[in-house]
N, C-alpha and C. Protein backbone atom coordinates (compact mmCIF):
# COMPACT_ATOMS: atom_id res chain seq x y z
N MET A 1 70.83 87.27 115.70
CA MET A 1 71.80 87.17 116.70
C MET A 1 72.85 88.34 116.59
N GLN A 2 73.14 88.95 117.70
CA GLN A 2 74.06 90.10 117.77
C GLN A 2 75.46 89.65 117.56
N LYS A 3 76.23 90.40 116.76
CA LYS A 3 77.62 90.11 116.48
C LYS A 3 78.44 90.42 117.82
N PRO A 4 79.47 89.53 118.07
CA PRO A 4 80.33 89.84 119.17
C PRO A 4 81.11 91.17 119.03
N ILE A 5 81.15 91.88 120.13
CA ILE A 5 81.82 93.24 120.14
C ILE A 5 82.85 93.26 121.24
N LYS A 6 83.98 93.73 120.95
CA LYS A 6 85.02 93.95 122.00
C LYS A 6 85.37 95.41 122.02
N ASN A 7 85.28 96.01 123.24
CA ASN A 7 85.67 97.42 123.43
C ASN A 7 87.06 97.38 123.97
N ARG A 8 87.91 98.16 123.29
CA ARG A 8 89.38 98.19 123.71
C ARG A 8 89.90 99.62 123.81
N THR A 9 90.83 99.76 124.68
CA THR A 9 91.59 101.02 124.78
C THR A 9 93.08 100.61 124.58
N VAL A 10 93.73 101.26 123.63
CA VAL A 10 95.11 100.95 123.39
C VAL A 10 96.00 102.21 123.71
N GLY A 11 97.05 102.00 124.48
CA GLY A 11 97.87 103.06 124.79
C GLY A 11 99.29 102.85 124.21
N PHE A 12 99.93 103.94 123.87
CA PHE A 12 101.22 103.83 123.13
C PHE A 12 102.02 105.12 123.39
N THR A 13 103.33 105.01 123.56
CA THR A 13 104.18 106.17 123.67
C THR A 13 104.84 106.38 122.29
N LEU A 14 104.59 107.44 121.59
CA LEU A 14 105.15 107.65 120.31
C LEU A 14 106.59 108.10 120.40
N THR A 15 107.40 107.68 119.32
CA THR A 15 108.81 108.07 119.23
C THR A 15 108.96 108.78 117.94
N THR A 16 110.17 109.15 117.57
CA THR A 16 110.46 109.85 116.37
C THR A 16 110.46 109.03 115.10
N GLY A 17 110.25 107.71 115.27
CA GLY A 17 110.14 106.87 114.07
C GLY A 17 108.70 106.31 113.91
N ASN A 18 108.23 106.20 112.67
CA ASN A 18 106.94 105.68 112.47
C ASN A 18 106.75 104.31 113.13
N GLN A 19 105.66 104.11 113.88
CA GLN A 19 105.36 102.84 114.47
C GLN A 19 103.89 102.48 114.35
N THR A 20 103.61 101.23 114.16
CA THR A 20 102.22 100.79 114.12
C THR A 20 101.73 100.78 115.57
N VAL A 21 100.61 101.45 115.78
CA VAL A 21 100.05 101.60 117.14
C VAL A 21 98.76 100.80 117.30
N TYR A 22 98.11 100.41 116.18
CA TYR A 22 96.90 99.57 116.27
C TYR A 22 96.70 98.91 114.95
N THR A 23 96.39 97.58 115.01
CA THR A 23 96.02 96.85 113.77
C THR A 23 94.70 96.15 114.05
N VAL A 24 93.78 96.25 113.15
CA VAL A 24 92.45 95.62 113.29
C VAL A 24 92.67 94.06 113.19
N PRO A 25 92.16 93.31 114.16
CA PRO A 25 92.38 91.88 114.15
C PRO A 25 91.65 91.20 112.99
N ALA A 26 92.13 90.05 112.53
CA ALA A 26 91.43 89.20 111.55
C ALA A 26 90.01 88.95 112.00
N PHE A 27 89.11 88.88 111.06
CA PHE A 27 87.69 88.63 111.30
C PHE A 27 86.95 89.72 112.05
N PHE A 28 87.55 90.89 112.13
CA PHE A 28 86.89 92.04 112.83
C PHE A 28 86.91 93.24 111.94
N GLN A 29 85.98 94.16 112.25
CA GLN A 29 85.99 95.52 111.78
C GLN A 29 86.09 96.38 112.99
N SER A 30 86.64 97.59 112.90
CA SER A 30 86.81 98.47 114.06
C SER A 30 86.22 99.79 113.80
N LYS A 31 85.57 100.30 114.82
CA LYS A 31 85.15 101.69 114.86
C LYS A 31 86.07 102.39 115.86
N VAL A 32 86.91 103.25 115.35
CA VAL A 32 87.80 104.04 116.21
C VAL A 32 87.04 105.22 116.65
N ALA A 33 86.64 105.23 117.92
CA ALA A 33 85.76 106.26 118.49
C ALA A 33 86.54 107.55 118.97
N SER A 34 87.78 107.34 119.37
CA SER A 34 88.51 108.47 119.98
C SER A 34 90.00 108.20 119.85
N ILE A 35 90.72 109.33 119.53
CA ILE A 35 92.22 109.30 119.56
C ILE A 35 92.66 110.44 120.37
N LEU A 36 93.40 110.12 121.47
CA LEU A 36 93.84 111.19 122.36
C LEU A 36 95.31 111.28 122.32
N PHE A 37 95.88 112.50 122.19
CA PHE A 37 97.30 112.75 122.21
C PHE A 37 97.52 113.59 123.53
N VAL A 38 98.45 113.15 124.31
CA VAL A 38 98.85 113.86 125.57
C VAL A 38 100.30 114.14 125.55
N ASN A 39 100.62 115.45 125.61
CA ASN A 39 102.01 115.85 125.73
C ASN A 39 102.38 116.06 127.14
N THR A 40 103.33 115.24 127.67
CA THR A 40 103.70 115.24 129.08
C THR A 40 104.95 116.07 129.28
N THR A 41 105.42 116.81 128.27
CA THR A 41 106.68 117.54 128.38
C THR A 41 106.32 119.05 128.61
N GLY A 42 107.41 119.78 128.82
CA GLY A 42 107.31 121.24 129.03
C GLY A 42 107.50 122.05 127.68
N SER A 43 107.53 121.33 126.59
CA SER A 43 107.62 122.07 125.25
C SER A 43 106.62 121.44 124.26
N ALA A 44 106.26 122.20 123.26
CA ALA A 44 105.39 121.73 122.21
C ALA A 44 106.04 120.50 121.49
N VAL A 45 105.19 119.55 121.12
CA VAL A 45 105.66 118.38 120.31
C VAL A 45 104.67 118.28 119.15
N THR A 46 105.22 117.87 117.99
CA THR A 46 104.33 117.65 116.79
C THR A 46 104.11 116.17 116.71
N VAL A 47 102.96 115.84 116.09
CA VAL A 47 102.58 114.46 115.86
C VAL A 47 102.06 114.26 114.45
N SER A 48 102.41 113.11 113.86
CA SER A 48 101.88 112.76 112.57
C SER A 48 101.23 111.37 112.76
N LEU A 49 100.04 111.19 112.10
CA LEU A 49 99.30 109.94 112.31
C LEU A 49 98.61 109.59 110.95
N ASP A 50 98.67 108.30 110.53
CA ASP A 50 97.98 107.95 109.35
C ASP A 50 97.38 106.55 109.57
N TRP A 51 96.56 106.18 108.59
CA TRP A 51 95.91 104.83 108.67
C TRP A 51 96.17 104.21 107.29
N TYR A 52 96.16 102.86 107.28
CA TYR A 52 96.46 102.10 106.07
C TYR A 52 95.39 101.14 105.77
N ASP A 53 95.01 101.10 104.47
CA ASP A 53 94.18 100.02 103.96
C ASP A 53 94.98 99.36 102.79
N THR A 54 94.90 99.94 101.63
CA THR A 54 95.80 99.48 100.55
C THR A 54 96.83 100.60 100.25
N ALA A 55 96.72 101.73 100.93
CA ALA A 55 97.65 102.87 100.86
C ALA A 55 97.54 103.58 102.14
N TYR A 56 98.51 104.52 102.44
CA TYR A 56 98.46 105.26 103.66
C TYR A 56 97.62 106.54 103.41
N HIS A 57 96.86 106.93 104.46
CA HIS A 57 96.05 108.11 104.40
C HIS A 57 96.28 108.96 105.68
N THR A 58 96.53 110.21 105.49
CA THR A 58 96.89 111.08 106.59
C THR A 58 95.71 111.42 107.48
N LEU A 59 95.89 111.30 108.79
CA LEU A 59 94.93 111.77 109.75
C LEU A 59 95.41 113.08 110.37
N ALA A 60 96.73 113.19 110.61
CA ALA A 60 97.31 114.41 111.19
C ALA A 60 98.74 114.48 110.67
N GLU A 61 99.18 115.71 110.21
CA GLU A 61 100.52 115.83 109.73
C GLU A 61 101.23 116.97 110.47
N THR A 62 102.20 116.66 111.25
CA THR A 62 102.92 117.60 112.07
C THR A 62 102.00 118.55 112.86
N MET A 63 100.96 117.96 113.47
CA MET A 63 100.03 118.67 114.33
C MET A 63 100.73 118.99 115.62
N SER A 64 100.72 120.25 116.03
CA SER A 64 101.38 120.72 117.25
C SER A 64 100.55 120.46 118.49
N ILE A 65 101.12 119.82 119.45
CA ILE A 65 100.44 119.57 120.76
C ILE A 65 101.22 120.47 121.78
N PRO A 66 100.54 121.49 122.33
CA PRO A 66 101.25 122.40 123.25
C PRO A 66 101.80 121.63 124.49
N ALA A 67 102.71 122.28 125.15
CA ALA A 67 103.33 121.74 126.37
C ALA A 67 102.31 121.37 127.42
N ASN A 68 102.43 120.26 128.00
CA ASN A 68 101.57 119.82 129.16
C ASN A 68 100.08 119.94 128.78
N SER A 69 99.71 119.50 127.64
CA SER A 69 98.30 119.54 127.22
C SER A 69 97.91 118.38 126.38
N TYR A 70 96.67 118.38 125.90
CA TYR A 70 96.24 117.24 125.04
C TYR A 70 95.38 117.78 123.90
N VAL A 71 95.23 116.87 122.92
CA VAL A 71 94.27 117.09 121.81
C VAL A 71 93.57 115.77 121.60
N GLN A 72 92.25 115.84 121.44
CA GLN A 72 91.42 114.68 121.19
C GLN A 72 90.69 114.71 119.90
N LEU A 73 90.75 113.66 119.07
CA LEU A 73 90.01 113.48 117.84
C LEU A 73 88.86 112.58 118.19
N THR A 74 87.63 113.01 117.86
CA THR A 74 86.47 112.23 118.18
C THR A 74 85.58 111.86 116.97
N ASP A 75 85.99 112.20 115.77
CA ASP A 75 85.24 111.79 114.62
C ASP A 75 85.54 110.31 114.39
N ALA A 76 84.47 109.49 114.18
CA ALA A 76 84.69 108.06 114.06
C ALA A 76 85.42 107.68 112.77
N LEU A 77 86.26 106.65 112.88
CA LEU A 77 86.96 106.08 111.74
C LEU A 77 86.69 104.64 111.71
N PHE A 78 86.24 104.14 110.52
CA PHE A 78 85.90 102.73 110.41
C PHE A 78 86.95 102.01 109.62
N LEU A 79 87.49 100.94 110.19
CA LEU A 79 88.56 100.16 109.59
C LEU A 79 88.21 98.74 109.45
N SER A 80 88.82 98.06 108.45
CA SER A 80 88.58 96.63 108.20
C SER A 80 89.77 95.83 108.72
N ALA A 81 89.53 94.44 108.74
CA ALA A 81 90.57 93.56 109.25
C ALA A 81 91.89 93.87 108.50
N GLY A 82 92.97 93.91 109.24
CA GLY A 82 94.29 94.16 108.64
C GLY A 82 94.63 95.61 108.48
N ASN A 83 93.72 96.51 108.53
CA ASN A 83 93.96 97.96 108.45
C ASN A 83 94.71 98.34 109.73
N LEU A 84 95.55 99.41 109.60
CA LEU A 84 96.33 99.81 110.77
C LEU A 84 96.44 101.29 110.91
N ILE A 85 96.81 101.68 112.12
CA ILE A 85 97.10 103.12 112.43
C ILE A 85 98.57 103.19 112.81
N ARG A 86 99.31 104.16 112.27
CA ARG A 86 100.68 104.32 112.66
C ARG A 86 100.95 105.75 112.99
N GLY A 87 101.97 106.05 113.75
CA GLY A 87 102.26 107.46 114.09
C GLY A 87 103.65 107.68 114.58
N LEU A 88 104.00 108.92 114.70
CA LEU A 88 105.34 109.35 115.18
C LEU A 88 105.21 110.72 115.81
N ALA A 89 106.15 111.08 116.63
CA ALA A 89 106.24 112.40 117.25
C ALA A 89 107.55 113.05 117.00
N SER A 90 107.61 114.35 117.23
CA SER A 90 108.89 115.08 116.96
C SER A 90 109.87 114.92 118.13
N GLY A 91 109.38 114.35 119.26
CA GLY A 91 110.25 114.21 120.43
C GLY A 91 109.60 113.24 121.36
N SER A 92 110.20 113.00 122.54
CA SER A 92 109.66 112.07 123.49
C SER A 92 108.56 112.73 124.29
N GLY A 93 107.85 111.92 125.06
CA GLY A 93 106.83 112.43 125.95
C GLY A 93 105.43 112.58 125.37
N LEU A 94 105.16 111.98 124.24
CA LEU A 94 103.86 112.12 123.58
C LEU A 94 103.12 110.72 123.75
N GLU A 95 102.05 110.78 124.54
CA GLU A 95 101.29 109.55 124.78
C GLU A 95 100.08 109.56 123.84
N LEU A 96 99.72 108.37 123.32
CA LEU A 96 98.62 108.24 122.38
C LEU A 96 97.72 107.17 122.98
N THR A 97 96.42 107.49 123.10
CA THR A 97 95.35 106.55 123.51
C THR A 97 94.27 106.47 122.48
N ILE A 98 94.01 105.21 122.00
CA ILE A 98 92.99 105.00 121.00
C ILE A 98 91.92 104.14 121.63
N ARG A 99 90.62 104.59 121.51
CA ARG A 99 89.50 103.82 121.98
C ARG A 99 88.78 103.27 120.77
N VAL A 100 88.66 101.94 120.74
CA VAL A 100 88.06 101.22 119.60
C VAL A 100 86.98 100.26 120.03
N GLU A 101 86.07 100.08 119.08
CA GLU A 101 85.05 99.04 119.19
C GLU A 101 85.30 98.05 118.07
N GLU A 102 85.60 96.80 118.45
CA GLU A 102 85.93 95.76 117.44
C GLU A 102 84.70 94.92 117.34
N ILE A 103 84.18 94.82 116.04
CA ILE A 103 82.92 94.14 115.81
C ILE A 103 83.23 92.91 114.87
N ALA A 104 82.88 91.77 115.34
CA ALA A 104 83.11 90.52 114.60
C ALA A 104 82.37 90.56 113.24
N LYS A 105 83.02 90.06 112.20
CA LYS A 105 82.34 89.95 110.95
C LYS A 105 81.40 88.77 110.94
N GLU A 106 80.45 88.81 110.03
CA GLU A 106 79.48 87.70 109.91
C GLU A 106 80.16 86.34 109.80
N GLY A 107 79.58 85.34 110.36
CA GLY A 107 80.04 83.97 110.22
C GLY A 107 81.01 83.47 111.24
N ILE A 108 81.29 84.29 112.33
CA ILE A 108 82.16 83.75 113.35
C ILE A 108 81.38 83.73 114.66
């Protein structure tokens, strides 16, 4: 029997303080297929992003996103229930979109 799968897209506007932008639901594992950063302002903005299991791990540290442009990360990231992704930007106007596939663990 095939495990239940939920495809989700999560959108978030980053601010200058660290915020949790995605948490893997209980009883699921997630494959993060894409992370898209869009700078909607007329100046460059930096972004920092990390993920957490039992410690924080850096995905991007003060990565510059040019004015009115975007950067997309497409290498898959596999997370377990309760793991999370958090991020912050150096200013306003940075939109984050995460595309994930949530796969139910055995037994549900």
